[in-house]
Amino acid sequence: MTDLVLRDIDPMMAERIRRVSEANGWTMHQTILHLIERGLYASEGGALRFDSKESDVLQSVIAALETVPNDPGFSLIGRVAGASTAPEAPSSPTEFDPNELERFLQNVPVGSKLGSHE
């Protein structure tokens, strides 16, 4: 195995590495190897890849969030900053339609669960 020497490590980074080590019960050696491996994986593009099932589920979730009505409590869910749509008249926070949640849930697409690999 090759030994590597790291010089001039920022104290804040060294502290973060120490906290990861303690949180996981790893030695510093194990922690640094793990962090390098994860960093390489992310840098090589493996961190954000989804298989087709996961991608479909993610698209369904995004579509469901886009149907959330504009209201004072959750007005930014499913909205893009700077959208040119006219704002809806805000309703009073006390005016809650008890059927609103049920209507929303009926519009959520049914599919495989995120993370399940059948």
PDB file of N, CA and C in Angstrom:
ATOM      1  N   MET A   1       0.838  -1.183   0.000  1.00  0.00           N
ATOM      2  CA  MET A   1       0.000   0.000   0.000  1.00  0.00           C
ATOM      3  C   MET A   1       0.879   1.242   0.000  1.00  0.00           C
ATOM      4  N   THR A   2       0.384   2.277  -0.615  1.00  0.00           N
ATOM      5  CA  THR A   2       1.103   3.544  -0.689  1.00  0.00           C
ATOM      6  C   THR A   2       0.719   4.412   0.500  1.00  0.00           C
ATOM      7  N   ASP A   3       1.709   5.027   1.118  1.00  0.00           N
ATOM      8  CA  ASP A   3       1.454   5.980   2.190  1.00  0.00           C
ATOM      9  C   ASP A   3       1.371   7.371   1.593  1.00  0.00           C
ATOM     10  N   LEU A   4       0.424   8.149   2.065  1.00  0.00           N
ATOM     11  CA  LEU A   4       0.275   9.530   1.633  1.00  0.00           C
ATOM     12  C   LEU A   4       0.461  10.442   2.831  1.00  0.00           C
ATOM     13  N   VAL A   5       1.091  11.577   2.608  1.00  0.00           N
ATOM     14  CA  VAL A   5       1.273  12.571   3.659  1.00  0.00           C
ATOM     15  C   VAL A   5       0.536  13.828   3.229  1.00  0.00           C
ATOM     16  N   LEU A   6      -0.335  14.313   4.082  1.00  0.00           N
ATOM     17  CA  LEU A   6      -1.068  15.542   3.802  1.00  0.00           C
ATOM     18  C   LEU A   6      -0.466  16.666   4.633  1.00  0.00           C
ATOM     19  N   ARG A   7      -0.102  17.739   3.968  1.00  0.00           N
ATOM     20  CA  ARG A   7       0.490  18.878   4.663  1.00  0.00           C
ATOM     21  C   ARG A   7      -0.461  20.066   4.600  1.00  0.00           C
ATOM     22  N   ASP A   8      -0.290  20.966   5.568  1.00  0.00           N
ATOM     23  CA  ASP A   8      -1.012  22.238   5.586  1.00  0.00           C
ATOM     24  C   ASP A   8      -2.528  22.063   5.507  1.00  0.00           C
ATOM     25  N   ILE A   9      -3.067  21.143   6.283  1.00  0.00           N
ATOM     26  CA  ILE A   9      -4.516  20.944   6.327  1.00  0.00           C
ATOM     27  C   ILE A   9      -5.127  22.079   7.130  1.00  0.00           C
ATOM     28  N   ASP A  10      -6.169  22.676   6.571  1.00  0.00           N
ATOM     29  CA  ASP A  10      -6.889  23.747   7.251  1.00  0.00           C
ATOM     30  C   ASP A  10      -7.412  23.224   8.591  1.00  0.00           C
ATOM     31  N   PRO A  11      -7.221  23.970   9.687  1.00  0.00           N
ATOM     32  CA  PRO A  11      -7.691  23.497  11.003  1.00  0.00           C
ATOM     33  C   PRO A  11      -9.185  23.197  11.043  1.00  0.00           C
ATOM     34  N   MET A  12      -9.985  23.974  10.299  1.00  0.00           N
ATOM     35  CA  MET A  12     -11.430  23.711  10.282  1.00  0.00           C
ATOM     36  C   MET A  12     -11.713  22.357   9.617  1.00  0.00           C
ATOM     37  N   MET A  13     -10.983  22.040   8.552  1.00  0.00           N
ATOM     38  CA  MET A  13     -11.165  20.756   7.879  1.00  0.00           C
ATOM     39  C   MET A  13     -10.723  19.618   8.790  1.00  0.00           C
ATOM     40  N   ALA A  14      -9.598  19.796   9.479  1.00  0.00           N
ATOM     41  CA  ALA A  14      -9.119  18.768  10.403  1.00  0.00           C
ATOM     42  C   ALA A  14     -10.147  18.514  11.502  1.00  0.00           C
ATOM     43  N   GLU A  15     -10.791  19.571  11.979  1.00  0.00           N
ATOM     44  CA  GLU A  15     -11.823  19.424  13.014  1.00  0.00           C
ATOM     45  C   GLU A  15     -13.034  18.676  12.464  1.00  0.00           C
ATOM     46  N   ARG A  16     -13.428  18.975  11.249  1.00  0.00           N
ATOM     47  CA  ARG A  16     -14.554  18.280  10.631  1.00  0.00           C
ATOM     48  C   ARG A  16     -14.239  16.791  10.464  1.00  0.00           C
ATOM     49  N   ILE A  17     -13.022  16.482  10.062  1.00  0.00           N
ATOM     50  CA  ILE A  17     -12.608  15.083   9.915  1.00  0.00           C
ATOM     51  C   ILE A  17     -12.649  14.389  11.268  1.00  0.00           C
ATOM     52  N   ARG A  18     -12.166  15.075  12.309  1.00  0.00           N
ATOM     53  CA  ARG A  18     -12.182  14.511  13.661  1.00  0.00           C
ATOM     54  C   ARG A  18     -13.610  14.217  14.106  1.00  0.00           C
ATOM     55  N   ARG A  19     -14.545  15.144  13.826  1.00  0.00           N
ATOM     56  CA  ARG A  19     -15.944  14.940  14.223  1.00  0.00           C
ATOM     57  C   ARG A  19     -16.556  13.742  13.495  1.00  0.00           C
ATOM     58  N   VAL A  20     -16.244  13.578  12.210  1.00  0.00           N
ATOM     59  CA  VAL A  20     -16.748  12.412  11.461  1.00  0.00           C
ATOM     60  C   VAL A  20     -16.183  11.135  12.075  1.00  0.00           C
ATOM     61  N   SER A  21     -14.915  11.167  12.422  1.00  0.00           N
ATOM     62  CA  SER A  21     -14.256  10.016  13.022  1.00  0.00           C
ATOM     63  C   SER A  21     -14.934   9.621  14.327  1.00  0.00           C
ATOM     64  N   GLU A  22     -15.157  10.604  15.193  1.00  0.00           N
ATOM     65  CA  GLU A  22     -15.781  10.319  16.486  1.00  0.00           C
ATOM     66  C   GLU A  22     -17.232   9.875  16.329  1.00  0.00           C
ATOM     67  N   ALA A  23     -17.966  10.504  15.431  1.00  0.00           N
ATOM     68  CA  ALA A  23     -19.380  10.171  15.244  1.00  0.00           C
ATOM     69  C   ALA A  23     -19.564   8.732  14.763  1.00  0.00           C
ATOM     70  N   ASN A  24     -18.601   8.229  14.007  1.00  0.00           N
ATOM     71  CA  ASN A  24     -18.724   6.880  13.461  1.00  0.00           C
ATOM     72  C   ASN A  24     -17.904   5.834  14.209  1.00  0.00           C
ATOM     73  N   GLY A  25     -17.125   6.267  15.184  1.00  0.00           N
ATOM     74  CA  GLY A  25     -16.305   5.326  15.934  1.00  0.00           C
ATOM     75  C   GLY A  25     -15.154   4.763  15.110  1.00  0.00           C
ATOM     76  N   TRP A  26     -14.672   5.550  14.143  1.00  0.00           N
ATOM     77  CA  TRP A  26     -13.588   5.120  13.285  1.00  0.00           C
ATOM     78  C   TRP A  26     -12.271   5.735  13.744  1.00  0.00           C
ATOM     79  N   THR A  27     -11.182   5.094  13.357  1.00  0.00           N
ATOM     80  CA  THR A  27      -9.872   5.709  13.571  1.00  0.00           C
ATOM     81  C   THR A  27      -9.723   6.825  12.539  1.00  0.00           C
ATOM     82  N   MET A  28      -8.755   7.711  12.748  1.00  0.00           N
ATOM     83  CA  MET A  28      -8.529   8.776  11.779  1.00  0.00           C
ATOM     84  C   MET A  28      -8.152   8.179  10.424  1.00  0.00           C
ATOM     85  N   HIS A  29      -7.377   7.113  10.439  1.00  0.00           N
ATOM     86  CA  HIS A  29      -6.976   6.451   9.195  1.00  0.00           C
ATOM     87  C   HIS A  29      -8.206   5.956   8.441  1.00  0.00           C
ATOM     88  N   GLN A  30      -9.093   5.240   9.142  1.00  0.00           N
ATOM     89  CA  GLN A  30     -10.314   4.735   8.511  1.00  0.00           C
ATOM     90  C   GLN A  30     -11.175   5.882   7.988  1.00  0.00           C
ATOM     91  N   THR A  31     -11.274   6.940   8.768  1.00  0.00           N
ATOM     92  CA  THR A  31     -12.106   8.079   8.390  1.00  0.00           C
ATOM     93  C   THR A  31     -11.588   8.735   7.122  1.00  0.00           C
ATOM     94  N   ILE A  32     -10.292   8.995   7.071  1.00  0.00           N
ATOM     95  CA  ILE A  32      -9.721   9.659   5.903  1.00  0.00           C
ATOM     96  C   ILE A  32      -9.850   8.783   4.662  1.00  0.00           C
ATOM     97  N   LEU A  33      -9.631   7.480   4.785  1.00  0.00           N
ATOM     98  CA  LEU A  33      -9.811   6.579   3.639  1.00  0.00           C
ATOM     99  C   LEU A  33     -11.265   6.602   3.156  1.00  0.00           C
ATOM    100  N   HIS A  34     -12.192   6.572   4.094  1.00  0.00           N
ATOM    101  CA  HIS A  34     -13.616   6.603   3.744  1.00  0.00           C
ATOM    102  C   HIS A  34     -13.964   7.912   3.033  1.00  0.00           C
ATOM    103  N   LEU A  35     -13.500   9.035   3.575  1.00  0.00           N
ATOM    104  CA  LEU A  35     -13.810  10.330   2.980  1.00  0.00           C
ATOM    105  C   LEU A  35     -13.187  10.484   1.593  1.00  0.00           C
ATOM    106  N   ILE A  36     -11.976   9.997   1.412  1.00  0.00           N
ATOM    107  CA  ILE A  36     -11.352  10.049   0.094  1.00  0.00           C
ATOM    108  C   ILE A  36     -12.145   9.201  -0.900  1.00  0.00           C
ATOM    109  N   GLU A  37     -12.545   8.001  -0.471  1.00  0.00           N
ATOM    110  CA  GLU A  37     -13.305   7.124  -1.349  1.00  0.00           C
ATOM    111  C   GLU A  37     -14.629   7.767  -1.745  1.00  0.00           C
ATOM    112  N   ARG A  38     -15.364   8.335  -0.765  1.00  0.00           N
ATOM    113  CA  ARG A  38     -16.638   9.003  -1.061  1.00  0.00           C
ATOM    114  C   ARG A  38     -16.438  10.205  -1.970  1.00  0.00           C
ATOM    115  N   GLY A  39     -15.370  10.967  -1.727  1.00  0.00           N
ATOM    116  CA  GLY A  39     -15.085  12.123  -2.560  1.00  0.00           C
ATOM    117  C   GLY A  39     -14.767  11.731  -3.992  1.00  0.00           C
ATOM    118  N   LEU A  40     -14.007  10.662  -4.160  1.00  0.00           N
ATOM    119  CA  LEU A  40     -13.702  10.177  -5.502  1.00  0.00           C
ATOM    120  C   LEU A  40     -14.959   9.690  -6.212  1.00  0.00           C
ATOM    121  N   TYR A  41     -15.793   8.976  -5.486  1.00  0.00           N
ATOM    122  CA  TYR A  41     -17.041   8.476  -6.053  1.00  0.00           C
ATOM    123  C   TYR A  41     -17.899   9.635  -6.536  1.00  0.00           C
ATOM    124  N   ALA A  42     -18.044  10.675  -5.701  1.00  0.00           N
ATOM    125  CA  ALA A  42     -18.844  11.839  -6.078  1.00  0.00           C
ATOM    126  C   ALA A  42     -18.216  12.574  -7.254  1.00  0.00           C
ATOM    127  N   SER A  43     -16.895  12.695  -7.257  1.00  0.00           N
ATOM    128  CA  SER A  43     -16.204  13.401  -8.331  1.00  0.00           C
ATOM    129  C   SER A  43     -16.283  12.669  -9.662  1.00  0.00           C
ATOM    130  N   GLU A  44     -16.390  11.362  -9.601  1.00  0.00           N
ATOM    131  CA  GLU A  44     -16.495  10.566 -10.828  1.00  0.00           C
ATOM    132  C   GLU A  44     -17.924  10.480 -11.333  1.00  0.00           C
ATOM    133  N   GLY A  45     -18.842  11.154 -10.668  1.00  0.00           N
ATOM    134  CA  GLY A  45     -20.223  11.195 -11.132  1.00  0.00           C
ATOM    135  C   GLY A  45     -21.122  10.124 -10.579  1.00  0.00           C
ATOM    136  N   GLY A  46     -20.667   9.317  -9.653  1.00  0.00           N
ATOM    137  CA  GLY A  46     -21.497   8.240  -9.124  1.00  0.00           C
ATOM    138  C   GLY A  46     -22.472   8.667  -8.055  1.00  0.00           C
ATOM    139  N   ALA A  47     -22.308   9.848  -7.513  1.00  0.00           N
ATOM    140  CA  ALA A  47     -23.133  10.246  -6.380  1.00  0.00           C
ATOM    141  C   ALA A  47     -24.549  10.638  -6.770  1.00  0.00           C
ATOM    142  N   LEU A  48     -24.770  11.087  -7.988  1.00  0.00           N
ATOM    143  CA  LEU A  48     -26.080  11.611  -8.352  1.00  0.00           C
ATOM    144  C   LEU A  48     -26.744  10.838  -9.489  1.00  0.00           C
ATOM    145  N   ARG A  49     -26.399   9.609  -9.645  1.00  0.00           N
ATOM    146  CA  ARG A  49     -27.014   8.810 -10.699  1.00  0.00           C
ATOM    147  C   ARG A  49     -28.189   8.032 -10.131  1.00  0.00           C
ATOM    148  N   PHE A  50     -29.284   8.022 -10.890  1.00  0.00           N
ATOM    149  CA  PHE A  50     -30.472   7.279 -10.494  1.00  0.00           C
ATOM    150  C   PHE A  50     -30.750   6.222 -11.546  1.00  0.00           C
ATOM    151  N   ASP A  51     -31.272   5.071 -11.095  1.00  0.00           N
ATOM    152  CA  ASP A  51     -31.713   4.108 -12.093  1.00  0.00           C
ATOM    153  C   ASP A  51     -33.080   4.561 -12.606  1.00  0.00           C
ATOM    154  N   SER A  52     -33.623   3.885 -13.593  1.00  0.00           N
ATOM    155  CA  SER A  52     -34.859   4.352 -14.232  1.00  0.00           C
ATOM    156  C   SER A  52     -36.037   4.388 -13.262  1.00  0.00           C
ATOM    157  N   LYS A  53     -36.123   3.424 -12.343  1.00  0.00           N
ATOM    158  CA  LYS A  53     -37.215   3.426 -11.367  1.00  0.00           C
ATOM    159  C   LYS A  53     -37.111   4.633 -10.447  1.00  0.00           C
ATOM    160  N   GLU A  54     -35.914   4.908  -9.953  1.00  0.00           N
ATOM    161  CA  GLU A  54     -35.715   6.047  -9.061  1.00  0.00           C
ATOM    162  C   GLU A  54     -35.999   7.352  -9.785  1.00  0.00           C
ATOM    163  N   SER A  55     -35.592   7.433 -11.026  1.00  0.00           N
ATOM    164  CA  SER A  55     -35.826   8.633 -11.822  1.00  0.00           C
ATOM    165  C   SER A  55     -37.320   8.858 -12.024  1.00  0.00           C
ATOM    166  N   ASP A  56     -38.060   7.788 -12.313  1.00  0.00           N
ATOM    167  CA  ASP A  56     -39.513   7.894 -12.488  1.00  0.00           C
ATOM    168  C   ASP A  56     -40.192   8.358 -11.207  1.00  0.00           C
ATOM    169  N   VAL A  57     -39.768   7.810 -10.080  1.00  0.00           N
ATOM    170  CA  VAL A  57     -40.351   8.196  -8.797  1.00  0.00           C
ATOM    171  C   VAL A  57     -40.041   9.656  -8.503  1.00  0.00           C
ATOM    172  N   LEU A  58     -38.801  10.073  -8.744  1.00  0.00           N
ATOM    173  CA  LEU A  58     -38.423  11.462  -8.515  1.00  0.00           C
ATOM    174  C   LEU A  58     -39.261  12.394  -9.378  1.00  0.00           C
ATOM    175  N   GLN A  59     -39.478  12.051 -10.643  1.00  0.00           N
ATOM    176  CA  GLN A  59     -40.317  12.869 -11.520  1.00  0.00           C
ATOM    177  C   GLN A  59     -41.752  12.932 -10.996  1.00  0.00           C
ATOM    178  N   SER A  60     -42.268  11.825 -10.462  1.00  0.00           N
ATOM    179  CA  SER A  60     -43.620  11.806  -9.899  1.00  0.00           C
ATOM    180  C   SER A  60     -43.719  12.723  -8.686  1.00  0.00           C
ATOM    181  N   VAL A  61     -42.698  12.700  -7.852  1.00  0.00           N
ATOM    182  CA  VAL A  61     -42.687  13.551  -6.662  1.00  0.00           C
ATOM    183  C   VAL A  61     -42.648  15.017  -7.068  1.00  0.00           C
ATOM    184  N   ILE A  62     -41.821  15.345  -8.032  1.00  0.00           N
ATOM    185  CA  ILE A  62     -41.737  16.730  -8.500  1.00  0.00           C
ATOM    186  C   ILE A  62     -43.082  17.173  -9.074  1.00  0.00           C
ATOM    187  N   ALA A  63     -43.713  16.307  -9.868  1.00  0.00           N
ATOM    188  CA  ALA A  63     -45.019  16.641 -10.444  1.00  0.00           C
ATOM    189  C   ALA A  63     -46.054  16.863  -9.354  1.00  0.00           C
ATOM    190  N   ALA A  64     -46.021  16.037  -8.304  1.00  0.00           N
ATOM    191  CA  ALA A  64     -46.972  16.197  -7.199  1.00  0.00           C
ATOM    192  C   ALA A  64     -46.735  17.508  -6.470  1.00  0.00           C
ATOM    193  N   LEU A  65     -45.475  17.857  -6.238  1.00  0.00           N
ATOM    194  CA  LEU A  65     -45.170  19.108  -5.548  1.00  0.00           C
ATOM    195  C   LEU A  65     -45.598  20.320  -6.365  1.00  0.00           C
ATOM    196  N   GLU A  66     -45.566  20.192  -7.678  1.00  0.00           N
ATOM    197  CA  GLU A  66     -45.980  21.303  -8.527  1.00  0.00           C
ATOM    198  C   GLU A  66     -47.473  21.572  -8.447  1.00  0.00           C
ATOM    199  N   THR A  67     -48.256  20.613  -7.922  1.00  0.00           N
ATOM    200  CA  THR A  67     -49.702  20.806  -7.796  1.00  0.00           C
ATOM    201  C   THR A  67     -50.095  21.440  -6.479  1.00  0.00           C
ATOM    202  N   VAL A  68     -49.144  21.656  -5.585  1.00  0.00           N
ATOM    203  CA  VAL A  68     -49.464  22.251  -4.290  1.00  0.00           C
ATOM    204  C   VAL A  68     -49.955  23.676  -4.520  1.00  0.00           C
ATOM    205  N   PRO A  69     -51.142  24.011  -3.998  1.00  0.00           N
ATOM    206  CA  PRO A  69     -51.668  25.357  -4.214  1.00  0.00           C
ATOM    207  C   PRO A  69     -50.830  26.420  -3.505  1.00  0.00           C
ATOM    208  N   ASN A  70     -50.872  27.624  -4.054  1.00  0.00           N
ATOM    209  CA  ASN A  70     -50.155  28.749  -3.475  1.00  0.00           C
ATOM    210  C   ASN A  70     -50.934  29.238  -2.262  1.00  0.00           C
ATOM    211  N   ASP A  71     -50.377  29.082  -1.086  1.00  0.00           N
ATOM    212  CA  ASP A  71     -51.038  29.537   0.130  1.00  0.00           C
ATOM    213  C   ASP A  71     -49.986  30.113   1.072  1.00  0.00           C
ATOM    214  N   PRO A  72     -50.401  30.840   2.120  1.00  0.00           N
ATOM    215  CA  PRO A  72     -49.431  31.502   2.994  1.00  0.00           C
ATOM    216  C   PRO A  72     -48.482  30.548   3.713  1.00  0.00           C
ATOM    217  N   GLY A  73     -48.914  29.326   3.994  1.00  0.00           N
ATOM    218  CA  GLY A  73     -48.078  28.410   4.747  1.00  0.00           C
ATOM    219  C   GLY A  73     -47.022  27.707   3.924  1.00  0.00           C
ATOM    220  N   PHE A  74     -47.348  27.364   2.683  1.00  0.00           N
ATOM    221  CA  PHE A  74     -46.432  26.578   1.873  1.00  0.00           C
ATOM    222  C   PHE A  74     -46.312  27.167   0.461  1.00  0.00           C
ATOM    223  N   SER A  75     -46.242  28.466   0.375  1.00  0.00           N
ATOM    224  CA  SER A  75     -46.346  29.128  -0.924  1.00  0.00           C
ATOM    225  C   SER A  75     -45.180  28.866  -1.852  1.00  0.00           C
ATOM    226  N   LEU A  76     -44.045  28.417  -1.352  1.00  0.00           N
ATOM    227  CA  LEU A  76     -42.905  28.217  -2.233  1.00  0.00           C
ATOM    228  C   LEU A  76     -42.743  26.776  -2.706  1.00  0.00           C
ATOM    229  N   ILE A  77     -43.539  25.852  -2.171  1.00  0.00           N
ATOM    230  CA  ILE A  77     -43.415  24.452  -2.574  1.00  0.00           C
ATOM    231  C   ILE A  77     -43.844  24.313  -4.028  1.00  0.00           C
ATOM    232  N   GLY A  78     -42.993  23.740  -4.837  1.00  0.00           N
ATOM    233  CA  GLY A  78     -43.325  23.497  -6.230  1.00  0.00           C
ATOM    234  C   GLY A  78     -43.264  24.731  -7.100  1.00  0.00           C
ATOM    235  N   ARG A  79     -42.750  25.827  -6.571  1.00  0.00           N
ATOM    236  CA  ARG A  79     -42.691  27.068  -7.332  1.00  0.00           C
ATOM    237  C   ARG A  79     -41.249  27.385  -7.711  1.00  0.00           C
ATOM    238  N   VAL A  80     -41.084  27.989  -8.864  1.00  0.00           N
ATOM    239  CA  VAL A  80     -39.776  28.406  -9.333  1.00  0.00           C
ATOM    240  C   VAL A  80     -39.631  29.888  -9.025  1.00  0.00           C
ATOM    241  N   ALA A  81     -38.500  30.273  -8.442  1.00  0.00           N
ATOM    242  CA  ALA A  81     -38.271  31.677  -8.122  1.00  0.00           C
ATOM    243  C   ALA A  81     -38.355  32.521  -9.387  1.00  0.00           C
ATOM    244  N   GLY A  82     -39.041  33.646  -9.282  1.00  0.00           N
ATOM    245  CA  GLY A  82     -39.152  34.555 -10.410  1.00  0.00           C
ATOM    246  C   GLY A  82     -40.174  34.137 -11.440  1.00  0.00           C
ATOM    247  N   ALA A  83     -41.046  33.186 -11.107  1.00  0.00           N
ATOM    248  CA  ALA A  83     -42.081  32.766 -12.059  1.00  0.00           C
ATOM    249  C   ALA A  83     -42.989  33.946 -12.346  1.00  0.00           C
ATOM    250  N   SER A  84     -43.462  34.060 -13.587  1.00  0.00           N
ATOM    251  CA  SER A  84     -44.225  35.227 -13.997  1.00  0.00           C
ATOM    252  C   SER A  84     -45.723  35.058 -13.828  1.00  0.00           C
ATOM    253  N   THR A  85     -46.175  34.066 -13.078  1.00  0.00           N
ATOM    254  CA  THR A  85     -47.607  33.890 -12.873  1.00  0.00           C
ATOM    255  C   THR A  85     -48.108  34.912 -11.874  1.00  0.00           C
ATOM    256  N   ALA A  86     -49.338  35.337 -12.074  1.00  0.00           N
ATOM    257  CA  ALA A  86     -49.933  36.319 -11.164  1.00  0.00           C
ATOM    258  C   ALA A  86     -50.172  35.655  -9.820  1.00  0.00           C
ATOM    259  N   PRO A  87     -49.845  36.339  -8.717  1.00  0.00           N
ATOM    260  CA  PRO A  87     -50.038  35.732  -7.399  1.00  0.00           C
ATOM    261  C   PRO A  87     -51.514  35.565  -7.078  1.00  0.00           C
ATOM    262  N   GLU A  88     -51.820  34.460  -6.448  1.00  0.00           N
ATOM    263  CA  GLU A  88     -53.186  34.216  -6.011  1.00  0.00           C
ATOM    264  C   GLU A  88     -53.463  35.044  -4.772  1.00  0.00           C
ATOM    265  N   ALA A  89     -54.715  35.362  -4.558  1.00  0.00           N
ATOM    266  CA  ALA A  89     -55.081  36.113  -3.354  1.00  0.00           C
ATOM    267  C   ALA A  89     -54.833  35.207  -2.155  1.00  0.00           C
ATOM    268  N   PRO A  90     -54.053  35.682  -1.183  1.00  0.00           N
ATOM    269  CA  PRO A  90     -53.760  34.824  -0.026  1.00  0.00           C
ATOM    270  C   PRO A  90     -55.006  34.590   0.812  1.00  0.00           C
ATOM    271  N   SER A  91     -55.160  33.379   1.265  1.00  0.00           N
ATOM    272  CA  SER A  91     -56.272  33.072   2.158  1.00  0.00           C
ATOM    273  C   SER A  91     -55.786  33.203   3.587  1.00  0.00           C
ATOM    274  N   SER A  92     -56.698  33.361   4.477  1.00  0.00           N
ATOM    275  CA  SER A  92     -56.359  33.468   5.889  1.00  0.00           C
ATOM    276  C   SER A  92     -55.828  32.135   6.370  1.00  0.00           C
ATOM    277  N   PRO A  93     -54.758  32.133   7.205  1.00  0.00           N
ATOM    278  CA  PRO A  93     -54.224  30.860   7.697  1.00  0.00           C
ATOM    279  C   PRO A  93     -55.250  30.033   8.457  1.00  0.00           C
ATOM    280  N   THR A  94     -56.311  30.673   8.955  1.00  0.00           N
ATOM    281  CA  THR A  94     -57.322  29.925   9.713  1.00  0.00           C
ATOM    282  C   THR A  94     -58.343  29.271   8.795  1.00  0.00           C
ATOM    283  N   GLU A  95     -58.364  29.644   7.502  1.00  0.00           N
ATOM    284  CA  GLU A  95     -59.310  29.065   6.561  1.00  0.00           C
ATOM    285  C   GLU A  95     -58.714  27.807   5.937  1.00  0.00           C
ATOM    286  N   PHE A  96     -58.806  26.688   6.629  1.00  0.00           N
ATOM    287  CA  PHE A  96     -58.263  25.434   6.122  1.00  0.00           C
ATOM    288  C   PHE A  96     -59.404  24.552   5.678  1.00  0.00           C
ATOM    289  N   ASP A  97     -59.334  24.122   4.449  1.00  0.00           N
ATOM    290  CA  ASP A  97     -60.327  23.208   3.906  1.00  0.00           C
ATOM    291  C   ASP A  97     -59.899  21.797   4.288  1.00  0.00           C
ATOM    292  N   PRO A  98     -60.640  21.121   5.152  1.00  0.00           N
ATOM    293  CA  PRO A  98     -60.210  19.784   5.590  1.00  0.00           C
ATOM    294  C   PRO A  98     -60.123  18.768   4.450  1.00  0.00           C
ATOM    295  N   ASN A  99     -60.764  19.040   3.335  1.00  0.00           N
ATOM    296  CA  ASN A  99     -60.714  18.113   2.203  1.00  0.00           C
ATOM    297  C   ASN A  99     -59.519  18.382   1.294  1.00  0.00           C
ATOM    298  N   GLU A 100     -58.798  19.485   1.536  1.00  0.00           N
ATOM    299  CA  GLU A 100     -57.671  19.857   0.670  1.00  0.00           C
ATOM    300  C   GLU A 100     -56.578  18.794   0.671  1.00  0.00           C
ATOM    301  N   LEU A 101     -56.227  18.273   1.838  1.00  0.00           N
ATOM    302  CA  LEU A 101     -55.191  17.246   1.918  1.00  0.00           C
ATOM    303  C   LEU A 101     -55.620  15.993   1.163  1.00  0.00           C
ATOM    304  N   GLU A 102     -56.868  15.592   1.325  1.00  0.00           N
ATOM    305  CA  GLU A 102     -57.364  14.408   0.628  1.00  0.00           C
ATOM    306  C   GLU A 102     -57.315  14.596  -0.889  1.00  0.00           C
ATOM    307  N   ARG A 103     -57.707  15.788  -1.374  1.00  0.00           N
ATOM    308  CA  ARG A 103     -57.647  16.060  -2.815  1.00  0.00           C
ATOM    309  C   ARG A 103     -56.204  16.006  -3.311  1.00  0.00           C
ATOM    310  N   PHE A 104     -55.300  16.550  -2.524  1.00  0.00           N
ATOM    311  CA  PHE A 104     -53.888  16.532  -2.906  1.00  0.00           C
ATOM    312  C   PHE A 104     -53.375  15.097  -2.991  1.00  0.00           C
ATOM    313  N   LEU A 105     -53.674  14.287  -1.972  1.00  0.00           N
ATOM    314  CA  LEU A 105     -53.190  12.905  -1.944  1.00  0.00           C
ATOM    315  C   LEU A 105     -53.757  12.080  -3.096  1.00  0.00           C
ATOM    316  N   GLN A 106     -54.962  12.404  -3.543  1.00  0.00           N
ATOM    317  CA  GLN A 106     -55.547  11.678  -4.672  1.00  0.00           C
ATOM    318  C   GLN A 106     -54.805  11.977  -5.974  1.00  0.00           C
ATOM    319  N   ASN A 107     -54.125  13.129  -6.036  1.00  0.00           N
ATOM    320  CA  ASN A 107     -53.398  13.509  -7.253  1.00  0.00           C
ATOM    321  C   ASN A 107     -51.954  13.028  -7.266  1.00  0.00           C
ATOM    322  N   VAL A 108     -51.495  12.440  -6.169  1.00  0.00           N
ATOM    323  CA  VAL A 108     -50.120  11.952  -6.117  1.00  0.00           C
ATOM    324  C   VAL A 108     -50.037  10.644  -6.891  1.00  0.00           C
ATOM    325  N   PRO A 109     -49.136  10.578  -7.893  1.00  0.00           N
ATOM    326  CA  PRO A 109     -49.026   9.343  -8.682  1.00  0.00           C
ATOM    327  C   PRO A 109     -48.554   8.181  -7.803  1.00  0.00           C
ATOM    328  N   VAL A 110     -49.095   7.019  -8.064  1.00  0.00           N
ATOM    329  CA  VAL A 110     -48.720   5.825  -7.327  1.00  0.00           C
ATOM    330  C   VAL A 110     -47.667   5.090  -8.140  1.00  0.00           C
ATOM    331  N   GLY A 111     -46.586   4.714  -7.463  1.00  0.00           N
ATOM    332  CA  GLY A 111     -45.521   4.002  -8.154  1.00  0.00           C
ATOM    333  C   GLY A 111     -44.675   3.240  -7.172  1.00  0.00           C
ATOM    334  N   SER A 112     -43.531   2.778  -7.642  1.00  0.00           N
ATOM    335  CA  SER A 112     -42.635   2.057  -6.754  1.00  0.00           C
ATOM    336  C   SER A 112     -42.034   3.025  -5.774  1.00  0.00           C
ATOM    337  N   LYS A 113     -41.650   2.508  -4.629  1.00  0.00           N
ATOM    338  CA  LYS A 113     -41.053   3.330  -3.575  1.00  0.00           C
ATOM    339  C   LYS A 113     -39.623   3.688  -3.934  1.00  0.00           C
ATOM    340  N   LEU A 114     -39.213   4.905  -3.594  1.00  0.00           N
ATOM    341  CA  LEU A 114     -37.847   5.361  -3.840  1.00  0.00           C
ATOM    342  C   LEU A 114     -36.885   4.473  -3.063  1.00  0.00           C
ATOM    343  N   GLY A 115     -35.896   3.986  -3.729  1.00  0.00           N
ATOM    344  CA  GLY A 115     -34.887   3.169  -3.067  1.00  0.00           C
ATOM    345  C   GLY A 115     -35.157   1.691  -3.134  1.00  0.00           C
ATOM    346  N   SER A 116     -36.376   1.282  -3.542  1.00  0.00           N
ATOM    347  CA  SER A 116     -36.623  -0.154  -3.628  1.00  0.00           C
ATOM    348  C   SER A 116     -36.098  -0.663  -4.961  1.00  0.00           C
ATOM    349  N   HIS A 117     -35.394  -1.721  -4.898  1.00  0.00           N
ATOM    350  CA  HIS A 117     -34.772  -2.305  -6.099  1.00  0.00           C
ATOM    351  C   HIS A 117     -35.309  -3.713  -6.274  1.00  0.00           C
ATOM    352  N   GLU A 118     -36.401  -3.814  -6.983  1.00  0.00           N
ATOM    353  CA  GLU A 118     -37.021  -5.128  -7.156  1.00  0.00           C
ATOM    354  C   GLU A 118     -36.503  -5.812  -8.378  1.00  0.00           C
TER     355      GLU A 118
END
